[in-house]
Amino acid sequence: MTSKQHDFTEGSIMKKMILFSSPIFLTNILQTSYQVIDSLWVGNLLGPEALGATAVSGIVIFTILSFIIGLNTAALTVLSQYKGAEDNEGLKKALNAFVVILGLLALLLGIIGFVAAERILMWMGTPDGTLPLAVTYLRINFVGILFLFGYNFIATVLRALGDSKTPVRFVLLAVLLNAVLDPLFIAVLDMGIAGAAYATIVSQGTAFIYGLIYSITRADVPFTVPQIPGKEQAKKIFRLGLPSGMSMMVISGGVLAIMTVVTSFGEEVTAGFGAAQRLDSLIMLPALTLGSAINSMAGQNIGAQLWERVSDITKSGLQLIAVVSLALSTIVFFSAEWAVAMFVQDPETVAFGTMYVQTVAFFYPFLGINFVLNGVVRAAGAMFQVFILNIISFWILRFPLTYLFAELYGERGIGIGMGLSLVLSAAIAAVYYRFGRWDKIDIMENKKK
């Protein structure tokens, strides 16, 4: 029996938003716990240098993969609009085009990342004691890049069709396998940090294979034998996907640049920032969840030309993110020191991680506003506009402010600059949502009038 696919063009918006986003939230928690478990084993079995290596490498992986992730977002927009317009033939053709193009790009970027790993890490200023570990961890992860891409893409397709429950199974499988394989490979088989990387790709590979088999044999996903996509489908993917992919490159490149500020303060701060990033990811979960859910919900309604419901989706999303993110920020703020200490025991590392988390915790509701508003305009196809917004957010605000306040106040200034940039980014996103012409964009042929 297949999981239920939601039709967002009718019924209670808030009820469906909660029902649809709850499994996505659970999926995101599992994905976060995946990183947390990995960091716990690495930090406690191999020490602060290895933990710092996984933190730096993780940012590089996200940077190299970000173009693919951006195209994945374009897939969510296109497929959800075809779903809302009830255009099954268009849906099938678009799905084939995304499979072919994204698969080839994932392989290409995997090769580039493997070859350039050491040079990138050196450019980031990775500490000498951390560099060899980071190179090993990074290169092994790039060997399994297709697995990471694969099961995330399948989850995106299912969400575009209105099914957010099934992807939970893929991620849960990966988390459970990783929790078992990490200590086995790291300690029992004495593979060190390479063992943590191998545990990751084996877990993700298993989840990908399971997801592929499930989608073909049990779900109503119109996958076909991959064929070279038509010219119009390919043009549409690149017209939407290139700015979406570049948008993600801008985001991850900004994170990469911020990491160069962090590494300049030495190994203790780098390791503490790595532990803090795991807690950061918990605070960000509501924003990530609603951004994805709203992209699907708004996309279906835009495809069906139900603009009043699109406006109501925005209002419901902002209300929900305000309540949830404030509650989660409070919990993380008061448990910061205990939580950071789970990852590493070095006093200086714990002190910086705690200070950073408590500084930025209550700024993350503003990040939620950004995700909600950008999720709606992205669902309309405003990929280039979101690209410009992200350039402003990361390269005009976040990186310069983080660098400036770190220069003024030392390591304490990292969190201050980060938090201030989130407030300003939310304000700019709100201005574009209110006055931009994103609702005039048409990305479908023969769209209902």
Protein backbone atom coordinates (compact mmCIF):
# COMPACT_ATOMS: atom_id res chain seq x y z
CA MET A 1 0.00 0.00 0.00
CA THR A 2 1.35 3.41 -0.93
CA SER A 3 1.47 6.40 1.38
CA LYS A 4 -1.24 9.03 0.97
CA GLN A 5 -0.51 11.90 -1.41
CA HIS A 6 -1.96 15.24 -0.30
CA ASP A 7 -3.92 17.54 -2.58
CA PHE A 8 -3.13 21.05 -1.32
CA THR A 9 -5.58 22.83 -3.62
CA GLU A 10 -8.48 22.24 -1.21
CA GLY A 11 -9.20 21.80 2.49
CA SER A 12 -7.77 23.40 5.64
CA ILE A 13 -4.37 24.99 4.95
CA MET A 14 -3.05 24.97 8.52
CA LYS A 15 -4.18 21.37 9.11
CA LYS A 16 -2.57 20.14 5.91
CA MET A 17 0.55 22.21 6.57
CA ILE A 18 0.99 20.53 9.95
CA LEU A 19 0.15 17.04 8.65
CA PHE A 20 2.45 17.41 5.63
CA SER A 21 5.33 19.17 7.38
CA SER A 22 5.40 16.86 10.43
CA PRO A 23 6.97 13.92 8.52
CA ILE A 24 9.39 16.36 6.86
CA PHE A 25 10.31 17.65 10.32
CA LEU A 26 10.86 14.08 11.49
CA THR A 27 12.97 13.42 8.40
CA ASN A 28 15.06 16.51 9.10
CA ILE A 29 15.50 15.48 12.74
CA LEU A 30 16.70 12.08 11.60
CA GLN A 31 19.11 13.69 9.13
CA THR A 32 20.39 15.96 11.87
CA SER A 33 20.73 13.03 14.26
CA TYR A 34 22.72 11.33 11.51
CA GLN A 35 25.28 14.14 11.70
CA VAL A 36 25.06 14.27 15.50
CA ILE A 37 25.73 10.53 15.87
CA ASP A 38 28.64 10.78 13.45
CA SER A 39 30.11 13.68 15.42
CA LEU A 40 29.59 11.95 18.78
CA TRP A 41 31.53 8.87 17.70
CA VAL A 42 34.27 10.86 15.94
CA GLY A 43 34.67 13.40 18.76
CA ASN A 44 34.74 10.84 21.56
CA LEU A 45 36.71 8.08 19.83
CA LEU A 46 39.15 10.16 17.78
CA GLY A 47 39.33 13.58 19.55
CA PRO A 48 38.92 17.30 18.74
CA GLU A 49 41.13 17.31 15.62
CA ALA A 50 39.06 14.60 13.96
CA LEU A 51 35.84 16.40 14.96
CA GLY A 52 37.18 19.59 13.40
CA ALA A 53 38.06 17.61 10.27
CA THR A 54 34.47 16.38 9.87
CA ALA A 55 33.13 19.91 10.44
CA VAL A 56 35.37 21.47 7.78
CA SER A 57 34.84 18.60 5.36
CA GLY A 58 31.09 18.70 5.85
CA ILE A 59 30.98 22.30 4.69
CA VAL A 60 33.05 21.47 1.60
CA ILE A 61 30.76 18.55 0.73
CA PHE A 62 27.74 20.81 0.99
CA THR A 63 29.46 23.43 -1.15
CA ILE A 64 30.31 21.00 -3.95
CA LEU A 65 26.86 19.42 -3.78
CA SER A 66 25.01 22.69 -3.55
CA PHE A 67 24.53 23.12 -7.29
CA ILE A 68 22.81 19.72 -7.39
CA ILE A 69 20.73 20.64 -4.33
CA GLY A 70 19.61 23.82 -6.07
CA LEU A 71 18.50 21.86 -9.12
CA ASN A 72 16.68 19.54 -6.73
CA THR A 73 14.73 22.56 -5.49
CA ALA A 74 13.84 23.42 -9.07
CA ALA A 75 12.54 19.85 -9.44
CA LEU A 76 10.26 20.35 -6.44
CA THR A 77 8.82 23.52 -7.98
CA VAL A 78 8.27 22.10 -11.47
CA LEU A 79 6.88 18.73 -10.40
CA SER A 80 4.52 20.21 -7.80
CA GLN A 81 3.10 22.64 -10.38
CA TYR A 82 2.47 19.81 -12.84
CA LYS A 83 0.82 17.86 -10.01
CA GLY A 84 -1.46 20.81 -9.18
CA ALA A 85 -2.33 21.30 -12.86
CA GLU A 86 -3.09 17.55 -13.19
CA ASP A 87 -0.75 17.31 -16.20
CA ASN A 88 0.44 13.68 -15.90
CA GLU A 89 2.29 13.59 -19.22
CA GLY A 90 4.18 16.77 -18.42
CA LEU A 91 5.02 15.35 -15.00
CA LYS A 92 6.48 12.18 -16.52
CA LYS A 93 8.62 14.07 -19.06
CA ALA A 94 9.90 16.52 -16.45
CA LEU A 95 10.80 13.70 -14.06
CA ASN A 96 12.82 11.90 -16.73
CA ALA A 97 14.67 15.10 -17.61
CA PHE A 98 15.61 15.76 -13.99
CA VAL A 99 16.84 12.17 -13.46
CA VAL A 100 19.17 12.33 -16.47
CA ILE A 101 20.54 15.84 -15.95
CA LEU A 102 20.92 15.70 -12.17
CA GLY A 103 22.49 12.24 -12.27
CA LEU A 104 25.17 13.32 -14.74
CA LEU A 105 25.90 16.52 -12.82
CA ALA A 106 26.18 14.62 -9.52
CA LEU A 107 28.82 12.31 -11.01
CA LEU A 108 30.73 15.24 -12.51
CA LEU A 109 30.82 17.22 -9.29
CA GLY A 110 31.81 14.10 -7.37
CA ILE A 111 34.89 13.70 -9.54
CA ILE A 112 35.77 17.39 -9.24
CA GLY A 113 35.37 17.29 -5.47
CA PHE A 114 37.55 14.18 -5.10
CA VAL A 115 40.39 15.64 -7.15
CA ALA A 116 40.30 19.13 -5.61
CA ALA A 117 39.72 18.10 -1.97
CA GLU A 118 43.15 18.89 -0.53
CA ARG A 119 43.52 22.19 -2.38
CA ILE A 120 40.11 23.39 -1.18
CA LEU A 121 40.85 22.47 2.44
CA MET A 122 44.21 24.28 2.29
CA TRP A 123 42.53 27.37 0.83
CA MET A 124 40.14 27.34 3.79
CA GLY A 125 43.09 27.56 6.17
CA THR A 126 42.39 24.17 7.75
CA PRO A 127 44.81 23.71 10.71
CA ASP A 128 47.83 21.47 9.98
CA GLY A 129 46.81 18.88 12.56
CA THR A 130 43.35 18.61 11.02
CA LEU A 131 44.24 18.70 7.31
CA PRO A 132 45.26 15.04 6.66
CA LEU A 133 42.18 13.76 8.50
CA ALA A 134 39.89 16.15 6.62
CA VAL A 135 41.32 15.14 3.22
CA THR A 136 40.75 11.44 3.94
CA TYR A 137 37.21 11.98 5.19
CA LEU A 138 36.29 14.30 2.31
CA ARG A 139 37.57 12.12 -0.52
CA ILE A 140 35.82 8.98 0.70
CA ASN A 141 32.54 10.90 0.98
CA PHE A 142 32.83 12.03 -2.63
CA VAL A 143 33.08 8.41 -3.72
CA GLY A 144 29.48 7.99 -2.53
CA ILE A 145 28.12 11.30 -3.80
CA LEU A 146 25.55 9.60 -6.06
CA PHE A 147 23.98 7.83 -3.07
CA LEU A 148 23.53 11.07 -1.15
CA PHE A 149 22.03 12.73 -4.20
CA GLY A 150 19.86 9.73 -5.05
CA TYR A 151 17.88 9.23 -1.89
CA ASN A 152 17.41 12.98 -1.41
CA PHE A 153 16.10 13.33 -4.97
CA ILE A 154 13.61 10.50 -4.50
CA ALA A 155 12.39 12.19 -1.31
CA THR A 156 11.97 15.47 -3.24
CA VAL A 157 9.89 13.78 -5.94
CA LEU A 158 7.58 12.16 -3.38
CA ARG A 159 7.06 15.49 -1.58
CA ALA A 160 6.24 17.24 -4.85
CA LEU A 161 3.51 14.64 -5.33
CA GLY A 162 2.20 15.28 -1.81
CA ASP A 163 3.79 12.32 0.04
CA SER A 164 6.01 13.41 2.93
CA LYS A 165 5.73 10.21 5.00
CA THR A 166 7.60 7.70 2.86
CA PRO A 167 10.94 9.60 2.83
CA VAL A 168 11.09 9.17 6.62
CA ARG A 169 11.76 5.47 6.04
CA PHE A 170 14.78 6.13 3.83
CA VAL A 171 16.43 8.45 6.31
CA LEU A 172 15.61 6.24 9.32
CA LEU A 173 17.33 3.32 7.61
CA ALA A 174 20.43 5.43 6.94
CA VAL A 175 20.53 6.71 10.54
CA LEU A 176 20.22 3.27 12.11
CA LEU A 177 22.88 1.80 9.85
CA ASN A 178 25.24 4.69 10.49
CA ALA A 179 24.78 4.40 14.28
CA VAL A 180 25.86 0.75 14.10
CA LEU A 181 28.58 1.05 11.46
CA ASP A 182 30.34 4.13 12.91
CA PRO A 183 31.78 2.47 16.06
CA LEU A 184 32.31 -0.80 14.14
CA PHE A 185 34.40 0.80 11.41
CA ILE A 186 36.12 3.44 13.59
CA ALA A 187 37.07 1.39 16.67
CA VAL A 188 36.49 -2.33 16.13
CA LEU A 189 38.04 -2.44 12.65
CA ASP A 190 40.47 0.37 13.64
CA MET A 191 39.84 2.38 10.46
CA GLY A 192 39.89 5.79 12.20
CA ILE A 193 38.25 8.72 10.46
CA ALA A 194 38.15 6.76 7.21
CA GLY A 195 35.80 4.35 8.99
CA ALA A 196 33.37 7.19 9.73
CA ALA A 197 33.36 8.15 6.05
CA TYR A 198 32.84 4.56 4.88
CA ALA A 199 29.98 4.17 7.36
CA THR A 200 28.36 7.23 5.79
CA ILE A 201 28.47 6.06 2.18
CA VAL A 202 27.39 2.49 3.01
CA SER A 203 24.41 3.83 4.98
CA GLN A 204 23.41 6.32 2.30
CA GLY A 205 23.88 3.77 -0.46
CA THR A 206 21.57 1.31 1.26
CA ALA A 207 18.93 4.02 1.77
CA PHE A 208 19.16 5.01 -1.91
CA ILE A 209 18.69 1.44 -3.16
CA TYR A 210 15.73 0.91 -0.85
CA GLY A 211 14.14 4.21 -1.93
CA LEU A 212 14.60 3.40 -5.62
CA ILE A 213 13.06 -0.07 -5.29
CA TYR A 214 10.15 1.29 -3.23
CA SER A 215 9.40 4.10 -5.71
CA ILE A 216 9.40 1.74 -8.70
CA THR A 217 7.49 -1.18 -7.16
CA ARG A 218 5.11 0.34 -4.62
CA ALA A 219 4.74 4.11 -5.04
CA ASP A 220 2.91 5.92 -7.82
CA VAL A 221 6.04 7.68 -9.07
CA PRO A 222 6.08 7.78 -12.90
CA PHE A 223 9.75 6.84 -13.28
CA THR A 224 10.68 5.54 -16.75
CA VAL A 225 13.83 4.12 -18.33
CA PRO A 226 16.08 7.25 -18.58
CA GLN A 227 16.05 8.85 -22.02
CA ILE A 228 17.74 11.95 -23.39
CA PRO A 229 15.31 14.74 -22.48
CA GLY A 230 13.63 16.93 -25.09
CA LYS A 231 15.08 20.34 -25.87
CA GLU A 232 12.25 22.26 -24.22
CA GLN A 233 12.40 20.19 -21.01
CA ALA A 234 16.18 20.59 -20.82
CA LYS A 235 15.90 24.36 -21.39
CA LYS A 236 13.29 24.67 -18.65
CA ILE A 237 15.43 22.74 -16.18
CA PHE A 238 18.47 24.91 -16.83
CA ARG A 239 16.43 28.14 -16.94
CA LEU A 240 15.12 27.38 -13.44
CA GLY A 241 17.88 25.14 -12.20
CA LEU A 242 20.93 27.27 -12.99
CA PRO A 243 19.91 30.23 -10.81
CA SER A 244 18.58 27.83 -8.17
CA GLY A 245 21.84 25.90 -8.23
CA MET A 246 23.89 29.08 -8.18
CA SER A 247 21.76 30.28 -5.29
CA MET A 248 22.80 27.24 -3.30
CA MET A 249 26.41 27.79 -4.34
CA VAL A 250 26.14 31.33 -3.01
CA ILE A 251 24.78 30.03 0.30
CA SER A 252 27.32 27.28 0.76
CA GLY A 253 30.13 29.46 -0.53
CA GLY A 254 29.16 32.01 2.12
CA VAL A 255 29.27 29.29 4.78
CA LEU A 256 32.67 28.25 3.43
CA ALA A 257 33.90 31.84 3.67
CA ILE A 258 32.65 32.12 7.26
CA MET A 259 34.57 28.92 8.05
CA THR A 260 37.77 30.70 7.01
CA VAL A 261 37.04 33.27 9.73
CA VAL A 262 36.50 30.47 12.25
CA THR A 263 39.65 28.52 11.36
CA SER A 264 41.76 31.66 11.86
CA PHE A 265 41.15 31.31 15.62
CA GLY A 266 42.75 27.86 15.83
CA GLU A 267 41.80 24.24 16.42
CA GLU A 268 39.82 24.71 19.64
CA VAL A 269 37.49 27.29 18.08
CA THR A 270 37.19 25.22 14.88
CA ALA A 271 36.19 22.12 16.86
CA GLY A 272 33.82 24.18 19.06
CA PHE A 273 32.21 25.70 15.99
CA GLY A 274 31.80 22.20 14.56
CA ALA A 275 29.96 21.06 17.69
CA ALA A 276 27.88 24.26 17.73
CA GLN A 277 26.87 23.72 14.10
CA ARG A 278 25.21 20.45 15.11
CA LEU A 279 23.05 22.37 17.59
CA ASP A 280 22.52 25.15 15.05
CA SER A 281 21.04 22.57 12.74
CA LEU A 282 18.45 21.67 15.38
CA ILE A 283 17.35 25.28 15.67
CA MET A 284 17.12 25.56 11.88
CA LEU A 285 14.92 22.46 11.50
CA PRO A 286 11.55 24.26 11.62
CA ALA A 287 12.71 26.72 8.95
CA LEU A 288 14.06 23.99 6.68
CA THR A 289 10.90 21.96 7.19
CA LEU A 290 8.44 24.73 6.37
CA GLY A 291 10.54 25.96 3.46
CA SER A 292 10.26 22.54 1.83
CA ALA A 293 6.59 22.00 2.75
CA ILE A 294 5.54 25.45 1.55
CA ASN A 295 7.41 24.98 -1.74
CA SER A 296 5.24 21.91 -2.42
CA MET A 297 1.99 23.42 -1.11
CA ALA A 298 2.34 26.75 -2.90
CA GLY A 299 3.56 25.03 -6.06
CA GLN A 300 0.42 22.91 -6.39
CA ASN A 301 -1.82 25.94 -5.84
CA ILE A 302 0.14 28.10 -8.29
CA GLY A 303 -0.19 25.31 -10.86
CA ALA A 304 -3.97 25.36 -10.24
CA GLN A 305 -4.02 29.22 -10.28
CA LEU A 306 -5.43 29.46 -6.73
CA TRP A 307 -3.65 32.64 -5.66
CA GLU A 308 -5.78 33.37 -2.61
CA ARG A 309 -4.74 30.03 -1.14
CA VAL A 310 -1.10 30.87 -1.90
CA SER A 311 -1.46 34.01 0.24
CA ASP A 312 -3.09 32.00 3.03
CA ILE A 313 -0.25 29.47 2.89
CA THR A 314 2.23 32.31 3.48
CA LYS A 315 0.32 33.63 6.50
CA SER A 316 -0.08 30.17 8.03
CA GLY A 317 3.61 29.44 7.50
CA LEU A 318 4.74 32.63 9.25
CA GLN A 319 2.45 31.95 12.22
CA LEU A 320 3.68 28.38 12.56
CA ILE A 321 7.39 29.24 12.28
CA ALA A 322 7.09 31.98 14.92
CA VAL A 323 5.65 29.63 17.55
CA VAL A 324 7.83 26.59 16.87
CA SER A 325 11.20 28.28 16.37
CA LEU A 326 10.92 30.44 19.49
CA ALA A 327 10.14 27.39 21.61
CA LEU A 328 13.06 25.42 20.15
CA SER A 329 15.46 28.36 20.47
CA THR A 330 14.62 28.60 24.18
CA ILE A 331 15.33 24.91 24.76
CA VAL A 332 18.64 25.03 22.89
CA PHE A 333 19.74 28.23 24.67
CA PHE A 334 19.38 26.76 28.15
CA SER A 335 20.88 23.37 27.28
CA ALA A 336 23.78 24.73 25.19
CA GLU A 337 26.73 23.89 27.48
CA TRP A 338 25.52 20.38 28.24
CA ALA A 339 24.79 19.72 24.57
CA VAL A 340 28.17 20.97 23.29
CA ALA A 341 29.95 18.89 25.94
CA MET A 342 28.41 15.74 24.43
CA PHE A 343 30.60 16.16 21.38
CA VAL A 344 33.94 17.08 22.91
CA GLN A 345 35.42 17.45 26.41
CA ASP A 346 38.12 20.08 25.87
CA PRO A 347 37.16 23.06 28.14
CA GLU A 348 38.12 25.79 25.64
CA THR A 349 36.24 24.05 22.86
CA VAL A 350 33.12 23.66 24.99
CA ALA A 351 33.32 27.30 26.14
CA PHE A 352 33.39 28.69 22.60
CA GLY A 353 30.67 26.34 21.35
CA THR A 354 28.37 27.32 24.23
CA MET A 355 28.96 31.03 23.73
CA TYR A 356 28.27 30.81 20.00
CA VAL A 357 25.03 28.82 20.36
CA GLN A 358 23.64 31.12 23.05
CA THR A 359 24.51 34.19 20.96
CA VAL A 360 22.67 33.10 17.81
CA ALA A 361 19.81 31.02 19.28
CA PHE A 362 17.10 33.70 19.32
CA PHE A 363 18.02 35.10 15.90
CA TYR A 364 16.91 31.96 14.08
CA PRO A 365 13.19 32.85 13.96
CA PHE A 366 14.30 35.51 11.45
CA LEU A 367 15.88 32.74 9.38
CA GLY A 368 12.47 31.05 9.49
CA ILE A 369 10.83 34.12 7.98
CA ASN A 370 13.35 33.96 5.16
CA PHE A 371 12.64 30.30 4.45
CA VAL A 372 8.86 30.75 4.45
CA LEU A 373 8.84 33.76 2.11
CA ASN A 374 11.50 32.37 -0.21
CA GLY A 375 9.66 29.04 -0.30
CA VAL A 376 6.55 30.75 -1.69
CA VAL A 377 8.29 32.86 -4.34
CA ARG A 378 10.49 29.93 -5.33
CA ALA A 379 7.34 27.82 -5.86
CA ALA A 380 6.29 30.38 -8.49
CA GLY A 381 9.60 29.92 -10.32
CA ALA A 382 11.40 33.03 -9.01
CA MET A 383 14.73 31.21 -8.91
CA PHE A 384 16.84 34.10 -10.22
CA GLN A 385 15.26 36.51 -7.75
CA VAL A 386 16.00 34.17 -4.83
CA PHE A 387 19.55 33.88 -6.18
CA ILE A 388 19.94 37.67 -5.90
CA LEU A 389 18.41 37.65 -2.40
CA ASN A 390 20.94 35.02 -1.31
CA ILE A 391 23.85 37.01 -2.72
CA ILE A 392 22.70 39.94 -0.59
CA SER A 393 22.11 37.73 2.45
CA PHE A 394 25.45 35.91 2.47
CA TRP A 395 27.97 38.06 0.62
CA ILE A 396 26.75 41.58 1.37
CA LEU A 397 25.52 40.85 4.91
CA ARG A 398 26.51 37.56 6.60
CA PHE A 399 30.16 37.09 5.67
CA PRO A 400 31.16 40.78 5.91
CA LEU A 401 29.35 41.23 9.24
CA THR A 402 30.84 38.03 10.69
CA TYR A 403 34.32 39.09 9.57
CA LEU A 404 33.84 42.64 10.88
CA PHE A 405 32.58 41.64 14.31
CA ALA A 406 35.23 38.93 14.63
CA GLU A 407 37.85 41.61 13.98
CA LEU A 408 36.24 43.91 16.56
CA TYR A 409 35.37 41.42 19.31
CA GLY A 410 37.45 38.34 18.56
CA GLU A 411 35.82 34.90 18.51
CA ARG A 412 32.75 36.27 20.33
CA GLY A 413 31.99 38.46 17.31
CA ILE A 414 31.36 35.43 15.05
CA GLY A 415 27.94 34.82 16.59
CA ILE A 416 27.08 38.54 16.77
CA GLY A 417 27.73 39.12 13.06
CA MET A 418 25.80 35.98 12.16
CA GLY A 419 22.73 36.97 14.19
CA LEU A 420 22.57 40.54 12.87
CA SER A 421 22.74 39.30 9.29
CA LEU A 422 19.71 37.03 9.84
CA VAL A 423 17.57 40.00 10.92
CA LEU A 424 18.54 42.12 7.92
CA SER A 425 18.06 39.22 5.48
CA ALA A 426 14.51 38.61 6.75
CA ALA A 427 13.64 42.29 6.25
CA ILE A 428 14.89 42.23 2.64
CA ALA A 429 12.98 39.00 1.87
CA ALA A 430 9.79 40.60 3.21
CA VAL A 431 10.23 43.64 0.98
CA TYR A 432 10.62 41.46 -2.12
CA TYR A 433 7.62 39.29 -1.21
CA ARG A 434 5.45 42.40 -0.79
CA PHE A 435 6.57 44.42 -3.82
CA GLY A 436 8.18 41.92 -6.23
CA ARG A 437 6.37 40.58 -9.30
CA TRP A 438 7.09 36.92 -8.58
CA ASP A 439 3.40 36.03 -9.04
CA LYS A 440 3.59 36.97 -12.75
CA ILE A 441 6.09 34.21 -13.60
CA ASP A 442 4.83 31.37 -15.85
CA ILE A 443 6.99 28.22 -16.01
CA MET A 444 4.46 25.77 -17.51
CA GLU A 445 3.31 25.23 -21.06
CA ASN A 446 -0.45 25.42 -21.47
CA LYS A 447 -1.00 26.47 -17.87
CA LYS A 448 -4.61 26.72 -16.79
CA LYS A 449 -5.94 30.26 -17.12
